[in-house]
Amino acid sequence: MFKRLFCFVLLVAGAVALSSLGAAQAADDGIVKLRSAYSMPETIARMKKDIADKGIKFFDEIDQAKLAADAGITLLPSTLLVFGNPPLGTLFITADPDSGLDWPVRVLVYQDAKGDVWVAYTDFEWIRKRHGIGSRDKEFKMASEVIGSITSTVKGN
């Protein structure tokens, strides 16, 4: 029980920290963030459809606001999407087992206090640097193009 609560607190803290970052990519922490042109449900549906259309394995959708409510805590809408392409993602893990901390891909979709919906994920070049992976150039490029394509399905003007 304590372990679950601790993990939940970390998730909530991460969502709160992300909501204070603003619209720009934060180069020092590797977070890429963009405003969605759609509601939470539509943003999630569009991204899940694009993930499925690309043949990418969808692992989980974690409704952090529901987890918070179940724990008696109020949290603005926040959902973590977990997905990946094991033939691609596991190549990063073979380059450095610690990089398994960053795979599969996780994208956070959340709503701020003004009602704006945001999409945030960790930049793959930042992940590469974090783990000191000097190889896998074309794979990192492909992963970056794919996440860019998936998130572009919800990007506003």
C-alpha atoms as a PDB file:
ATOM      1  CA  MET A   1       0.000   0.000   0.000  1.00  0.00           C
ATOM      2  CA  PHE A   2       2.786   2.445   0.927  1.00  0.00           C
ATOM      3  CA  LYS A   3       4.577   1.655  -2.337  1.00  0.00           C
ATOM      4  CA  ARG A   4       1.431   2.438  -4.364  1.00  0.00           C
ATOM      5  CA  LEU A   5       0.847   5.673  -2.485  1.00  0.00           C
ATOM      6  CA  PHE A   6       4.488   6.702  -2.971  1.00  0.00           C
ATOM      7  CA  CYS A   7       4.249   6.023  -6.729  1.00  0.00           C
ATOM      8  CA  PHE A   8       1.020   7.976  -6.915  1.00  0.00           C
ATOM      9  CA  VAL A   9       2.551  10.942  -5.085  1.00  0.00           C
ATOM     10  CA  LEU A  10       5.430  10.929  -7.587  1.00  0.00           C
ATOM     11  CA  LEU A  11       2.977  10.911 -10.505  1.00  0.00           C
ATOM     12  CA  VAL A  12       0.994  13.806  -9.053  1.00  0.00           C
ATOM     13  CA  ALA A  13       4.178  15.774  -8.325  1.00  0.00           C
ATOM     14  CA  GLY A  14       5.285  15.260 -11.920  1.00  0.00           C
ATOM     15  CA  ALA A  15       1.972  16.488 -13.280  1.00  0.00           C
ATOM     16  CA  VAL A  16       2.073  19.562 -11.039  1.00  0.00           C
ATOM     17  CA  ALA A  17       5.653  20.306 -12.078  1.00  0.00           C
ATOM     18  CA  LEU A  18       4.749  20.008 -15.749  1.00  0.00           C
ATOM     19  CA  SER A  19       1.830  22.393 -15.394  1.00  0.00           C
ATOM     20  CA  SER A  20       4.181  25.151 -14.229  1.00  0.00           C
ATOM     21  CA  LEU A  21       6.632  24.908 -17.148  1.00  0.00           C
ATOM     22  CA  GLY A  22       4.861  27.030 -19.762  1.00  0.00           C
ATOM     23  CA  ALA A  23       4.612  26.421 -23.492  1.00  0.00           C
ATOM     24  CA  ALA A  24       8.263  26.118 -24.484  1.00  0.00           C
ATOM     25  CA  GLN A  25      10.367  23.005 -24.630  1.00  0.00           C
ATOM     26  CA  ALA A  26      12.547  22.965 -21.541  1.00  0.00           C
ATOM     27  CA  ALA A  27      15.968  22.073 -22.906  1.00  0.00           C
ATOM     28  CA  ASP A  28      17.526  21.507 -19.499  1.00  0.00           C
ATOM     29  CA  ASP A  29      15.102  18.808 -18.407  1.00  0.00           C
ATOM     30  CA  GLY A  30      14.194  17.267 -21.761  1.00  0.00           C
ATOM     31  CA  ILE A  31      10.461  17.890 -21.571  1.00  0.00           C
ATOM     32  CA  VAL A  32       8.744  18.658 -24.862  1.00  0.00           C
ATOM     33  CA  LYS A  33       5.379  20.276 -24.336  1.00  0.00           C
ATOM     34  CA  LEU A  34       2.701  21.470 -26.723  1.00  0.00           C
ATOM     35  CA  ARG A  35      -0.799  22.803 -26.404  1.00  0.00           C
ATOM     36  CA  SER A  36      -3.547  20.633 -27.843  1.00  0.00           C
ATOM     37  CA  ALA A  37      -6.263  22.137 -29.997  1.00  0.00           C
ATOM     38  CA  TYR A  38      -8.760  19.657 -28.530  1.00  0.00           C
ATOM     39  CA  SER A  39     -10.431  18.625 -25.282  1.00  0.00           C
ATOM     40  CA  MET A  40      -8.857  15.964 -23.059  1.00  0.00           C
ATOM     41  CA  PRO A  41     -11.039  13.123 -24.413  1.00  0.00           C
ATOM     42  CA  GLU A  42     -10.531  14.188 -28.042  1.00  0.00           C
ATOM     43  CA  THR A  43      -6.765  14.631 -27.568  1.00  0.00           C
ATOM     44  CA  ILE A  44      -6.453  11.154 -26.061  1.00  0.00           C
ATOM     45  CA  ALA A  45      -8.714   9.585 -28.712  1.00  0.00           C
ATOM     46  CA  ARG A  46      -6.791  11.201 -31.593  1.00  0.00           C
ATOM     47  CA  MET A  47      -3.442  10.118 -30.232  1.00  0.00           C
ATOM     48  CA  LYS A  48      -4.598   6.559 -29.510  1.00  0.00           C
ATOM     49  CA  LYS A  49      -6.046   6.291 -33.026  1.00  0.00           C
ATOM     50  CA  ASP A  50      -2.785   7.474 -34.587  1.00  0.00           C
ATOM     51  CA  ILE A  51      -0.801   5.059 -32.409  1.00  0.00           C
ATOM     52  CA  ALA A  52      -3.059   2.190 -33.546  1.00  0.00           C
ATOM     53  CA  ASP A  53      -2.976   3.310 -37.186  1.00  0.00           C
ATOM     54  CA  LYS A  54       0.826   3.210 -37.049  1.00  0.00           C
ATOM     55  CA  GLY A  55       0.778  -0.352 -35.679  1.00  0.00           C
ATOM     56  CA  ILE A  56       2.420   0.754 -32.431  1.00  0.00           C
ATOM     57  CA  LYS A  57       1.695  -1.322 -29.330  1.00  0.00           C
ATOM     58  CA  PHE A  58      -0.494   0.530 -26.825  1.00  0.00           C
ATOM     59  CA  PHE A  59       0.299  -0.617 -23.295  1.00  0.00           C
ATOM     60  CA  ASP A  60      -1.785   1.473 -20.931  1.00  0.00           C
ATOM     61  CA  GLU A  61      -3.842   4.575 -20.253  1.00  0.00           C
ATOM     62  CA  ILE A  62      -3.495   5.755 -16.667  1.00  0.00           C
ATOM     63  CA  ASP A  63      -6.099   8.243 -15.463  1.00  0.00           C
ATOM     64  CA  GLN A  64      -4.111  10.087 -12.807  1.00  0.00           C
ATOM     65  CA  ALA A  65      -7.065  12.295 -11.852  1.00  0.00           C
ATOM     66  CA  LYS A  66      -9.100   9.167 -11.055  1.00  0.00           C
ATOM     67  CA  LEU A  67      -6.235   7.757  -8.995  1.00  0.00           C
ATOM     68  CA  ALA A  68      -6.099  11.063  -7.123  1.00  0.00           C
ATOM     69  CA  ALA A  69      -9.872  11.066  -6.552  1.00  0.00           C
ATOM     70  CA  ASP A  70      -9.691   7.486  -5.260  1.00  0.00           C
ATOM     71  CA  ALA A  71      -7.090   8.707  -2.743  1.00  0.00           C
ATOM     72  CA  GLY A  72      -9.251  11.684  -1.725  1.00  0.00           C
ATOM     73  CA  ILE A  73      -7.097  14.188  -3.624  1.00  0.00           C
ATOM     74  CA  THR A  74      -8.343  16.679  -6.204  1.00  0.00           C
ATOM     75  CA  LEU A  75      -6.305  16.762  -9.402  1.00  0.00           C
ATOM     76  CA  LEU A  76      -7.107  18.432 -12.698  1.00  0.00           C
ATOM     77  CA  PRO A  77      -7.535  15.981 -15.593  1.00  0.00           C
ATOM     78  CA  SER A  78      -4.245  14.157 -16.188  1.00  0.00           C
ATOM     79  CA  THR A  79      -3.776  10.964 -18.193  1.00  0.00           C
ATOM     80  CA  LEU A  80      -0.570   9.102 -18.935  1.00  0.00           C
ATOM     81  CA  LEU A  81      -0.423   7.161 -22.213  1.00  0.00           C
ATOM     82  CA  VAL A  82       2.148   4.365 -22.436  1.00  0.00           C
ATOM     83  CA  PHE A  83       3.027   2.876 -25.823  1.00  0.00           C
ATOM     84  CA  GLY A  84       5.914   1.727 -27.930  1.00  0.00           C
ATOM     85  CA  ASN A  85       7.392  -0.360 -30.684  1.00  0.00           C
ATOM     86  CA  PRO A  86       9.350  -3.160 -28.946  1.00  0.00           C
ATOM     87  CA  PRO A  87      11.559  -3.938 -31.974  1.00  0.00           C
ATOM     88  CA  LEU A  88      12.679  -0.298 -31.900  1.00  0.00           C
ATOM     89  CA  GLY A  89      12.542   0.585 -28.200  1.00  0.00           C
ATOM     90  CA  THR A  90      14.413  -2.462 -26.999  1.00  0.00           C
ATOM     91  CA  LEU A  91      17.356  -1.460 -29.214  1.00  0.00           C
ATOM     92  CA  PHE A  92      17.887   1.515 -26.911  1.00  0.00           C
ATOM     93  CA  ILE A  93      17.808  -0.773 -23.892  1.00  0.00           C
ATOM     94  CA  THR A  94      20.428  -3.043 -25.474  1.00  0.00           C
ATOM     95  CA  ALA A  95      22.658   0.036 -25.842  1.00  0.00           C
ATOM     96  CA  ASP A  96      22.233   0.856 -22.132  1.00  0.00           C
ATOM     97  CA  PRO A  97      20.008  -1.201 -19.810  1.00  0.00           C
ATOM     98  CA  ASP A  98      19.336   1.872 -17.637  1.00  0.00           C
ATOM     99  CA  SER A  99      17.546   3.467 -20.588  1.00  0.00           C
ATOM    100  CA  GLY A 100      14.722   1.037 -19.805  1.00  0.00           C
ATOM    101  CA  LEU A 101      13.671   3.741 -17.337  1.00  0.00           C
ATOM    102  CA  ASP A 102      12.603   5.797 -20.362  1.00  0.00           C
ATOM    103  CA  TRP A 103      11.034   3.048 -22.504  1.00  0.00           C
ATOM    104  CA  PRO A 104       8.304   2.404 -23.428  1.00  0.00           C
ATOM    105  CA  VAL A 105       7.286   5.906 -24.456  1.00  0.00           C
ATOM    106  CA  ARG A 106       5.121   7.872 -22.054  1.00  0.00           C
ATOM    107  CA  VAL A 107       3.055  10.891 -23.052  1.00  0.00           C
ATOM    108  CA  LEU A 108       1.243  12.951 -20.452  1.00  0.00           C
ATOM    109  CA  VAL A 109      -2.004  14.635 -21.475  1.00  0.00           C
ATOM    110  CA  TYR A 110      -3.315  17.083 -18.912  1.00  0.00           C
ATOM    111  CA  GLN A 111      -5.521  20.107 -18.442  1.00  0.00           C
ATOM    112  CA  ASP A 112      -4.328  23.228 -16.654  1.00  0.00           C
ATOM    113  CA  ALA A 113      -6.354  25.528 -14.410  1.00  0.00           C
ATOM    114  CA  LYS A 114      -7.287  27.719 -17.412  1.00  0.00           C
ATOM    115  CA  GLY A 115      -8.757  24.717 -19.222  1.00  0.00           C
ATOM    116  CA  ASP A 116      -5.951  24.404 -21.768  1.00  0.00           C
ATOM    117  CA  VAL A 117      -4.966  20.856 -22.666  1.00  0.00           C
ATOM    118  CA  TRP A 118      -1.261  20.032 -22.888  1.00  0.00           C
ATOM    119  CA  VAL A 119       0.735  17.109 -24.243  1.00  0.00           C
ATOM    120  CA  ALA A 120       4.176  16.464 -22.734  1.00  0.00           C
ATOM    121  CA  TYR A 121       6.846  13.838 -23.318  1.00  0.00           C
ATOM    122  CA  THR A 122      10.576  13.357 -22.874  1.00  0.00           C
ATOM    123  CA  ASP A 123      12.701  14.398 -25.843  1.00  0.00           C
ATOM    124  CA  PHE A 124      14.506  11.385 -27.315  1.00  0.00           C
ATOM    125  CA  GLU A 125      17.758  13.290 -27.843  1.00  0.00           C
ATOM    126  CA  TRP A 126      17.668  14.174 -24.163  1.00  0.00           C
ATOM    127  CA  ILE A 127      17.151  10.481 -23.352  1.00  0.00           C
ATOM    128  CA  ARG A 128      20.127   9.625 -25.572  1.00  0.00           C
ATOM    129  CA  LYS A 129      22.328  12.117 -23.720  1.00  0.00           C
ATOM    130  CA  ARG A 130      21.012  11.062 -20.325  1.00  0.00           C
ATOM    131  CA  HIS A 131      22.110   7.504 -20.965  1.00  0.00           C
ATOM    132  CA  GLY A 132      25.204   8.311 -23.006  1.00  0.00           C
ATOM    133  CA  ILE A 133      24.039   6.287 -26.012  1.00  0.00           C
ATOM    134  CA  GLY A 134      26.408   7.121 -28.848  1.00  0.00           C
ATOM    135  CA  SER A 135      24.957   4.609 -31.272  1.00  0.00           C
ATOM    136  CA  ARG A 136      21.461   4.036 -32.674  1.00  0.00           C
ATOM    137  CA  ASP A 137      21.385   7.307 -34.662  1.00  0.00           C
ATOM    138  CA  LYS A 138      18.795   6.230 -37.206  1.00  0.00           C
ATOM    139  CA  GLU A 139      16.649   4.616 -34.494  1.00  0.00           C
ATOM    140  CA  PHE A 140      16.609   7.777 -32.374  1.00  0.00           C
ATOM    141  CA  LYS A 141      15.780   9.801 -35.490  1.00  0.00           C
ATOM    142  CA  MET A 142      12.912   7.437 -36.309  1.00  0.00           C
ATOM    143  CA  ALA A 143      11.569   7.539 -32.740  1.00  0.00           C
ATOM    144  CA  SER A 144      11.676  11.353 -32.789  1.00  0.00           C
ATOM    145  CA  GLU A 145       9.837  11.483 -36.114  1.00  0.00           C
ATOM    146  CA  VAL A 146       7.165   9.074 -34.884  1.00  0.00           C
ATOM    147  CA  ILE A 147       6.465  10.960 -31.631  1.00  0.00           C
ATOM    148  CA  GLY A 148       6.392  14.200 -33.633  1.00  0.00           C
ATOM    149  CA  SER A 149       3.848  12.681 -35.983  1.00  0.00           C
ATOM    150  CA  ILE A 150       1.677  11.328 -33.153  1.00  0.00           C
ATOM    151  CA  THR A 151       1.623  14.625 -31.258  1.00  0.00           C
ATOM    152  CA  SER A 152       0.995  16.604 -34.446  1.00  0.00           C
ATOM    153  CA  THR A 153      -2.483  15.037 -34.590  1.00  0.00           C
ATOM    154  CA  VAL A 154      -3.532  17.291 -31.693  1.00  0.00           C
ATOM    155  CA  LYS A 155      -1.398  20.379 -32.237  1.00  0.00           C
ATOM    156  CA  GLY A 156      -3.174  23.695 -32.495  1.00  0.00           C
ATOM    157  CA  ASN A 157      -2.261  26.483 -34.892  1.00  0.00           C
END
